[in-house]
């Protein structure tokens, strides 16, 4: 009686991993290039005023933004004029001084960019300017859109 022997494939069962580091680095570079850093989530409505003579700030890392405008409420409604610094609404004007002073201590060359809604109450803007003056942040500019 013949004895049959099962033929086995002579290929190895292991997965080639020599290209794995290249693939990992390509994916890493892809995600680094395509990732967008989180921007501030606006809680106030801003419609910029138009201006003819504007200058672009070259060193964006020195800029801290203060938003002034009507508070966004649900359902396309807007509330009273509020001040937003970073991601939080500032309820009390005196808090602006402390927040901006802390930022000035961290970055002595700080530039404060006021992003003000065109329909904001001027009294609130004046109060913000006074608080910025008391905090010692004297490098202030206003963000606008270019008039066409």
Foldseek 3Di string as FASTA:
>chain_A
DDDDDDDDDPDDPDDDCPCVVVVVVVVVVVCVVPDDDDAADDQFDFDFAEDADDDDDDPCVQEWEKEWHFGDDPPRDTHAIWIDGRHDTDPDLLVLLVVVLVVCVVPVSHAYEYRYHPPHDVVVVVSNVVSCVNSVRPRYYYDHDYDD
